[in-house]
PDB file of N, CA and C in Angstrom:
ATOM      1  N   MET A   1     162.350 107.412 234.083  1.00  0.00           N
ATOM      2  CA  MET A   1     161.426 106.401 233.447  1.00  0.00           C
ATOM      3  C   MET A   1     160.252 107.233 232.816  1.00  0.00           C
ATOM      4  N   LYS A   2     159.686 106.905 231.691  1.00  0.00           N
ATOM      5  CA  LYS A   2     158.782 107.666 231.054  1.00  0.00           C
ATOM      6  C   LYS A   2     157.831 106.755 230.514  1.00  0.00           C
ATOM      7  N   TYR A   3     156.601 106.809 230.951  1.00  0.00           N
ATOM      8  CA  TYR A   3     155.558 106.095 230.149  1.00  0.00           C
ATOM      9  C   TYR A   3     154.859 106.952 229.144  1.00  0.00           C
ATOM     10  N   PHE A   4     154.618 106.512 227.875  1.00  0.00           N
ATOM     11  CA  PHE A   4     154.163 107.142 226.791  1.00  0.00           C
ATOM     12  C   PHE A   4     153.066 106.372 225.994  1.00  0.00           C
ATOM     13  N   PRO A   5     152.018 107.123 225.742  1.00  0.00           N
ATOM     14  CA  PRO A   5     150.880 106.576 224.800  1.00  0.00           C
ATOM     15  C   PRO A   5     151.556 106.655 223.448  1.00  0.00           C
ATOM     16  N   PRO A   6     150.974 105.703 222.548  1.00  0.00           N
ATOM     17  CA  PRO A   6     151.427 105.609 221.290  1.00  0.00           C
ATOM     18  C   PRO A   6     151.817 106.839 220.522  1.00  0.00           C
ATOM     19  N   PRO A   7     150.953 107.825 220.440  1.00  0.00           N
ATOM     20  CA  PRO A   7     151.096 109.012 219.758  1.00  0.00           C
ATOM     21  C   PRO A   7     152.326 109.893 219.955  1.00  0.00           C
ATOM     22  N   GLN A   8     152.849 109.752 221.150  1.00  0.00           N
ATOM     23  CA  GLN A   8     154.027 110.442 221.618  1.00  0.00           C
ATOM     24  C   GLN A   8     155.473 109.623 221.082  1.00  0.00           C
ATOM     25  N   THR A   9     155.150 108.498 220.406  1.00  0.00           N
ATOM     26  CA  THR A   9     156.513 107.739 220.129  1.00  0.00           C
ATOM     27  C   THR A   9     157.526 108.261 219.358  1.00  0.00           C
ATOM     28  N   LYS A  10     157.207 109.003 218.288  1.00  0.00           N
ATOM     29  CA  LYS A  10     158.183 109.771 217.464  1.00  0.00           C
ATOM     30  C   LYS A  10     158.913 110.836 218.249  1.00  0.00           C
ATOM     31  N   LYS A  11     158.132 111.638 219.273  1.00  0.00           N
ATOM     32  CA  LYS A  11     158.734 112.562 220.105  1.00  0.00           C
ATOM     33  C   LYS A  11     159.747 111.909 220.959  1.00  0.00           C
ATOM     34  N   ASP A  12     159.169 110.938 221.622  1.00  0.00           N
ATOM     35  CA  ASP A  12     160.169 110.247 222.691  1.00  0.00           C
ATOM     36  C   ASP A  12     161.443 109.629 221.949  1.00  0.00           C
ATOM     37  N   PHE A  13     161.290 109.274 220.770  1.00  0.00           N
ATOM     38  CA  PHE A  13     162.465 108.420 220.233  1.00  0.00           C
ATOM     39  C   PHE A  13     163.342 109.432 219.438  1.00  0.00           C
ATOM     40  N   GLY A  14     162.723 110.684 219.315  1.00  0.00           N
ATOM     41  CA  GLY A  14     163.647 111.750 218.626  1.00  0.00           C
ATOM     42  C   GLY A  14     164.068 112.867 219.253  1.00  0.00           C
ATOM     43  N   VAL A  15     163.101 113.738 219.614  1.00  0.00           N
ATOM     44  CA  VAL A  15     163.503 114.977 220.180  1.00  0.00           C
ATOM     45  C   VAL A  15     163.991 114.786 221.718  1.00  0.00           C
ATOM     46  N   LYS A  16     163.211 114.070 222.345  1.00  0.00           N
ATOM     47  CA  LYS A  16     163.648 113.827 223.791  1.00  0.00           C
ATOM     48  C   LYS A  16     164.832 113.013 224.092  1.00  0.00           C
ATOM     49  N   LEU A  17     164.994 112.054 223.107  1.00  0.00           N
ATOM     50  CA  LEU A  17     166.206 111.128 223.203  1.00  0.00           C
ATOM     51  C   LEU A  17     167.361 111.984 222.870  1.00  0.00           C
ATOM     52  N   ARG A  18     167.378 112.801 221.795  1.00  0.00           N
ATOM     53  CA  ARG A  18     168.550 113.537 221.536  1.00  0.00           C
ATOM     54  C   ARG A  18     168.759 114.685 222.661  1.00  0.00           C
ATOM     55  N   LEU A  19     167.731 115.333 223.235  1.00  0.00           N
ATOM     56  CA  LEU A  19     167.910 116.281 224.344  1.00  0.00           C
ATOM     57  C   LEU A  19     168.517 115.603 225.544  1.00  0.00           C
ATOM     58  N   TYR A  20     168.056 114.485 225.987  1.00  0.00           N
ATOM     59  CA  TYR A  20     168.603 113.793 227.100  1.00  0.00           C
ATOM     60  C   TYR A  20     170.070 113.199 226.977  1.00  0.00           C
ATOM     61  N   GLU A  21     170.353 112.734 225.781  1.00  0.00           N
ATOM     62  CA  GLU A  21     171.592 112.541 225.386  1.00  0.00           C
ATOM     63  C   GLU A  21     172.506 113.755 225.438  1.00  0.00           C
ATOM     64  N   SER A  22     172.202 114.723 224.973  1.00  0.00           N
ATOM     65  CA  SER A  22     173.115 116.038 224.788  1.00  0.00           C
ATOM     66  C   SER A  22     173.450 116.603 226.112  1.00  0.00           C
ATOM     67  N   VAL A  23     172.536 116.405 227.237  1.00  0.00           N
ATOM     68  CA  VAL A  23     172.689 116.838 228.535  1.00  0.00           C
ATOM     69  C   VAL A  23     173.178 115.764 229.562  1.00  0.00           C
ATOM     70  N   GLY A  24     173.581 114.604 228.959  1.00  0.00           N
ATOM     71  CA  GLY A  24     174.165 113.669 229.689  1.00  0.00           C
ATOM     72  C   GLY A  24     173.401 112.818 230.625  1.00  0.00           C
ATOM     73  N   VAL A  25     172.124 112.794 230.453  1.00  0.00           N
ATOM     74  CA  VAL A  25     171.087 111.761 231.357  1.00  0.00           C
ATOM     75  C   VAL A  25     171.808 110.264 231.056  1.00  0.00           C
ATOM     76  N   SER A  26     172.051 109.685 232.275  1.00  0.00           N
ATOM     77  CA  SER A  26     172.789 108.430 232.274  1.00  0.00           C
ATOM     78  C   SER A  26     171.806 107.469 231.631  1.00  0.00           C
ATOM     79  N   GLU A  27     170.506 107.415 231.956  1.00  0.00           N
ATOM     80  CA  GLU A  27     169.635 106.316 231.404  1.00  0.00           C
ATOM     81  C   GLU A  27     168.441 106.925 231.150  1.00  0.00           C
ATOM     82  N   TYR A  28     167.750 106.452 229.908  1.00  0.00           N
ATOM     83  CA  TYR A  28     166.589 106.841 229.397  1.00  0.00           C
ATOM     84  C   TYR A  28     165.605 105.807 229.339  1.00  0.00           C
ATOM     85  N   TRP A  29     164.538 105.654 230.041  1.00  0.00           N
ATOM     86  CA  TRP A  29     163.642 104.459 230.007  1.00  0.00           C
ATOM     87  C   TRP A  29     162.362 104.781 229.154  1.00  0.00           C
ATOM     88  N   LEU A  30     161.857 103.970 228.278  1.00  0.00           N
ATOM     89  CA  LEU A  30     160.722 104.209 227.530  1.00  0.00           C
ATOM     90  C   LEU A  30     159.841 102.942 228.034  1.00  0.00           C
ATOM     91  N   VAL A  31     158.726 103.129 228.442  1.00  0.00           N
ATOM     92  CA  VAL A  31     157.942 102.090 228.964  1.00  0.00           C
ATOM     93  C   VAL A  31     156.692 101.851 228.014  1.00  0.00           C
ATOM     94  N   HIS A  32     156.550 100.536 227.556  1.00  0.00           N
ATOM     95  CA  HIS A  32     155.478 100.152 226.607  1.00  0.00           C
ATOM     96  C   HIS A  32     154.379  99.229 227.325  1.00  0.00           C
ATOM     97  N   PRO A  33     153.428  99.710 227.977  1.00  0.00           N
ATOM     98  CA  PRO A  33     152.547  98.823 228.736  1.00  0.00           C
ATOM     99  C   PRO A  33     151.826  97.816 228.052  1.00  0.00           C
ATOM    100  N   ASN A  34     151.419  98.095 226.624  1.00  0.00           N
ATOM    101  CA  ASN A  34     150.673  97.136 225.852  1.00  0.00           C
ATOM    102  C   ASN A  34     151.617  96.066 225.580  1.00  0.00           C
ATOM    103  N   ASP A  35     153.002  96.242 225.398  1.00  0.00           N
ATOM    104  CA  ASP A  35     153.850  95.055 225.203  1.00  0.00           C
ATOM    105  C   ASP A  35     154.484  94.559 226.366  1.00  0.00           C
ATOM    106  N   GLN A  36     154.328  95.197 227.622  1.00  0.00           N
ATOM    107  CA  GLN A  36     155.013  94.953 228.806  1.00  0.00           C
ATOM    108  C   GLN A  36     156.459  94.932 228.690  1.00  0.00           C
ATOM    109  N   THR A  37     156.927  95.953 228.037  1.00  0.00           N
ATOM    110  CA  THR A  37     158.360  95.974 227.851  1.00  0.00           C
ATOM    111  C   THR A  37     158.982  97.414 228.285  1.00  0.00           C
ATOM    112  N   ILE A  38     160.214  97.503 228.450  1.00  0.00           N
ATOM    113  CA  ILE A  38     160.671  98.749 228.722  1.00  0.00           C
ATOM    114  C   ILE A  38     162.050  98.640 228.043  1.00  0.00           C
ATOM    115  N   LEU A  39     162.382  99.757 227.182  1.00  0.00           N
ATOM    116  CA  LEU A  39     163.673  99.944 226.587  1.00  0.00           C
ATOM    117  C   LEU A  39     164.528 100.958 227.438  1.00  0.00           C
ATOM    118  N   VAL A  40     165.656 100.500 227.672  1.00  0.00           N
ATOM    119  CA  VAL A  40     166.670 101.219 228.440  1.00  0.00           C
ATOM    120  C   VAL A  40     167.812 101.716 227.491  1.00  0.00           C
ATOM    121  N   PHE A  41     167.947 102.998 227.318  1.00  0.00           N
ATOM    122  CA  PHE A  41     168.977 103.648 226.748  1.00  0.00           C
ATOM    123  C   PHE A  41     169.980 103.986 227.656  1.00  0.00           C
ATOM    124  N   SER A  42     171.071 103.561 227.598  1.00  0.00           N
ATOM    125  CA  SER A  42     172.283 103.977 228.501  1.00  0.00           C
ATOM    126  C   SER A  42     173.412 104.768 227.780  1.00  0.00           C
ATOM    127  N   LEU A  43     173.752 105.827 228.428  1.00  0.00           N
ATOM    128  CA  LEU A  43     174.767 106.651 227.915  1.00  0.00           C
ATOM    129  C   LEU A  43     176.206 106.116 227.989  1.00  0.00           C
ATOM    130  N   LYS A  44     177.034 105.883 226.849  1.00  0.00           N
ATOM    131  CA  LYS A  44     178.288 105.448 226.806  1.00  0.00           C
ATOM    132  C   LYS A  44     179.074 106.448 225.879  1.00  0.00           C
ATOM    133  N   GLU A  45     180.016 106.981 226.420  1.00  0.00           N
ATOM    134  CA  GLU A  45     180.854 107.866 225.709  1.00  0.00           C
ATOM    135  C   GLU A  45     180.198 108.837 225.043  1.00  0.00           C
ATOM    136  N   GLY A  46     179.106 109.407 225.714  1.00  0.00           N
ATOM    137  CA  GLY A  46     178.334 110.622 225.368  1.00  0.00           C
ATOM    138  C   GLY A  46     177.262 110.349 224.375  1.00  0.00           C
ATOM    139  N   THR A  47     176.965 109.149 224.217  1.00  0.00           N
ATOM    140  CA  THR A  47     175.785 108.757 223.341  1.00  0.00           C
ATOM    141  C   THR A  47     175.118 107.646 223.835  1.00  0.00           C
ATOM    142  N   TYR A  48     173.782 107.430 223.263  1.00  0.00           N
ATOM    143  CA  TYR A  48     173.020 106.420 223.586  1.00  0.00           C
ATOM    144  C   TYR A  48     173.212 105.417 222.394  1.00  0.00           C
ATOM    145  N   GLY A  49     173.357 104.220 222.717  1.00  0.00           N
ATOM    146  CA  GLY A  49     173.256 103.028 221.481  1.00  0.00           C
ATOM    147  C   GLY A  49     172.084 102.573 221.419  1.00  0.00           C
ATOM    148  N   THR A  50     172.138 101.229 221.113  1.00  0.00           N
ATOM    149  CA  THR A  50     170.940 100.402 220.874  1.00  0.00           C
ATOM    150  C   THR A  50     170.361 100.162 222.260  1.00  0.00           C
ATOM    151  N   PRO A  51     169.245 100.416 222.581  1.00  0.00           N
ATOM    152  CA  PRO A  51     168.475 100.120 223.854  1.00  0.00           C
ATOM    153  C   PRO A  51     168.676  98.627 224.234  1.00  0.00           C
ATOM    154  N   THR A  52     168.748  98.434 225.470  1.00  0.00           N
ATOM    155  CA  THR A  52     168.356  97.059 226.138  1.00  0.00           C
ATOM    156  C   THR A  52     166.825  96.947 226.288  1.00  0.00           C
ATOM    157  N   ILE A  53     166.326  95.674 225.859  1.00  0.00           N
ATOM    158  CA  ILE A  53     164.932  95.618 225.752  1.00  0.00           C
ATOM    159  C   ILE A  53     164.604  94.630 226.964  1.00  0.00           C
ATOM    160  N   TYR A  54     163.691  94.898 227.999  1.00  0.00           N
ATOM    161  CA  TYR A  54     163.336  94.216 229.131  1.00  0.00           C
ATOM    162  C   TYR A  54     161.864  93.769 229.056  1.00  0.00           C
ATOM    163  N   LYS A  55     161.415  92.745 229.152  1.00  0.00           N
ATOM    164  CA  LYS A  55     160.059  92.358 228.913  1.00  0.00           C
ATOM    165  C   LYS A  55     159.738  91.468 230.253  1.00  0.00           C
ATOM    166  N   ALA A  56     158.481  91.768 230.782  1.00  0.00           N
ATOM    167  CA  ALA A  56     158.021  91.029 231.969  1.00  0.00           C
ATOM    168  C   ALA A  56     158.062  89.570 231.709  1.00  0.00           C
ATOM    169  N   PRO A  57     158.581  88.830 232.537  1.00  0.00           N
ATOM    170  CA  PRO A  57     158.614  89.056 234.102  1.00  0.00           C
ATOM    171  C   PRO A  57     160.212  89.340 234.360  1.00  0.00           C
ATOM    172  N   ASP A  58     160.860  90.026 233.448  1.00  0.00           N
ATOM    173  CA  ASP A  58     162.305  90.387 233.755  1.00  0.00           C
ATOM    174  C   ASP A  58     162.533  91.338 234.958  1.00  0.00           C
ATOM    175  N   ASP A  59     163.618  91.393 235.482  1.00  0.00           N
ATOM    176  CA  ASP A  59     163.927  92.297 236.477  1.00  0.00           C
ATOM    177  C   ASP A  59     164.898  93.299 235.998  1.00  0.00           C
ATOM    178  N   VAL A  60     164.671  94.449 235.876  1.00  0.00           N
ATOM    179  CA  VAL A  60     165.476  95.655 235.380  1.00  0.00           C
ATOM    180  C   VAL A  60     166.382  96.127 236.275  1.00  0.00           C
ATOM    181  N   PRO A  61     167.882  96.083 235.913  1.00  0.00           N
ATOM    182  CA  PRO A  61     168.663  96.723 236.981  1.00  0.00           C
ATOM    183  C   PRO A  61     168.612  98.305 236.740  1.00  0.00           C
ATOM    184  N   VAL A  62     169.102  98.994 237.750  1.00  0.00           N
ATOM    185  CA  VAL A  62     169.064 100.525 237.808  1.00  0.00           C
ATOM    186  C   VAL A  62     170.527 100.851 237.972  1.00  0.00           C
ATOM    187  N   GLN A  63     170.973 101.652 236.854  1.00  0.00           N
ATOM    188  CA  GLN A  63     172.392 102.010 236.920  1.00  0.00           C
ATOM    189  C   GLN A  63     172.917 102.771 237.896  1.00  0.00           C
ATOM    190  N   LEU A  64     172.081 103.742 238.472  1.00  0.00           N
ATOM    191  CA  LEU A  64     172.609 104.619 239.763  1.00  0.00           C
ATOM    192  C   LEU A  64     172.403 103.725 240.940  1.00  0.00           C
ATOM    193  N   PHE A  65     171.903 102.740 241.048  1.00  0.00           N
ATOM    194  CA  PHE A  65     171.793 101.911 242.323  1.00  0.00           C
ATOM    195  C   PHE A  65     172.097 100.335 241.761  1.00  0.00           C
ATOM    196  N   PRO A  66     173.240  99.986 241.678  1.00  0.00           N
ATOM    197  CA  PRO A  66     173.665  98.694 241.128  1.00  0.00           C
ATOM    198  C   PRO A  66     173.070  97.500 241.780  1.00  0.00           C
ATOM    199  N   GLU A  67     172.568  97.567 243.228  1.00  0.00           N
ATOM    200  CA  GLU A  67     172.006  96.440 243.918  1.00  0.00           C
ATOM    201  C   GLU A  67     170.469  96.480 243.817  1.00  0.00           C
ATOM    202  N   PHE A  68     169.872  97.525 243.068  1.00  0.00           N
ATOM    203  CA  PHE A  68     168.416  97.644 242.910  1.00  0.00           C
ATOM    204  C   PHE A  68     167.998  97.087 241.719  1.00  0.00           C
ATOM    205  N   PHE A  69     166.818  96.465 241.679  1.00  0.00           N
ATOM    206  CA  PHE A  69     166.283  95.822 240.417  1.00  0.00           C
ATOM    207  C   PHE A  69     164.836  96.243 240.546  1.00  0.00           C
ATOM    208  N   ILE A  70     164.133  96.503 239.485  1.00  0.00           N
ATOM    209  CA  ILE A  70     162.901  96.740 239.334  1.00  0.00           C
ATOM    210  C   ILE A  70     161.947  95.492 238.602  1.00  0.00           C
ATOM    211  N   PRO A  71     161.325  94.915 239.226  1.00  0.00           N
ATOM    212  CA  PRO A  71     160.401  93.653 238.812  1.00  0.00           C
ATOM    213  C   PRO A  71     159.297  93.926 237.877  1.00  0.00           C
ATOM    214  N   LEU A  72     159.444  93.833 236.570  1.00  0.00           N
ATOM    215  CA  LEU A  72     158.463  94.255 235.636  1.00  0.00           C
ATOM    216  C   LEU A  72     157.252  93.475 235.809  1.00  0.00           C
ATOM    217  N   ALA A  73     157.074  92.187 236.119  1.00  0.00           N
ATOM    218  CA  ALA A  73     155.967  91.488 236.463  1.00  0.00           C
ATOM    219  C   ALA A  73     155.192  92.413 237.402  1.00  0.00           C
ATOM    220  N   GLU A  74     155.671  93.083 238.337  1.00  0.00           N
ATOM    221  CA  GLU A  74     154.829  93.852 239.313  1.00  0.00           C
ATOM    222  C   GLU A  74     154.677  95.171 238.656  1.00  0.00           C
ATOM    223  N   VAL A  75     155.422  95.737 238.087  1.00  0.00           N
ATOM    224  CA  VAL A  75     155.189  97.172 237.486  1.00  0.00           C
ATOM    225  C   VAL A  75     153.873  97.133 236.453  1.00  0.00           C
ATOM    226  N   PHE A  76     153.846  96.039 235.724  1.00  0.00           N
ATOM    227  CA  PHE A  76     152.718  95.834 234.738  1.00  0.00           C
ATOM    228  C   PHE A  76     151.515  95.556 235.235  1.00  0.00           C
ATOM    229  N   LEU A  77     151.325  95.132 236.498  1.00  0.00           N
ATOM    230  CA  LEU A  77     150.092  94.771 237.087  1.00  0.00           C
ATOM    231  C   LEU A  77     149.265  96.069 237.253  1.00  0.00           C
ATOM    232  N   VAL A  78     149.825  97.245 237.132  1.00  0.00           N
ATOM    233  CA  VAL A  78     148.944  98.563 237.243  1.00  0.00           C
ATOM    234  C   VAL A  78     148.417  99.025 236.107  1.00  0.00           C
ATOM    235  N   PHE A  79     148.867  98.354 234.791  1.00  0.00           N
ATOM    236  CA  PHE A  79     148.336  98.986 233.546  1.00  0.00           C
ATOM    237  C   PHE A  79     147.431  97.940 233.128  1.00  0.00           C
TER     238      PHE A  79
END
């Protein structure tokens, strides 16, 4: 999971996204505290497709731990 301030947006959607995809990172999360959203890129057949967008108060599933969910309503209380 990565929190990023707005000036880093291009780097996170470009360089880092391609890097993580190329080394096989199964999930790449981008956190937008102002919008209270998380974009989840999931690796399928070696590439990230369109991200799934979760917005508070959604619960976000964690691919590595299928029984585990992150409650966004609680996450964004700290921002």
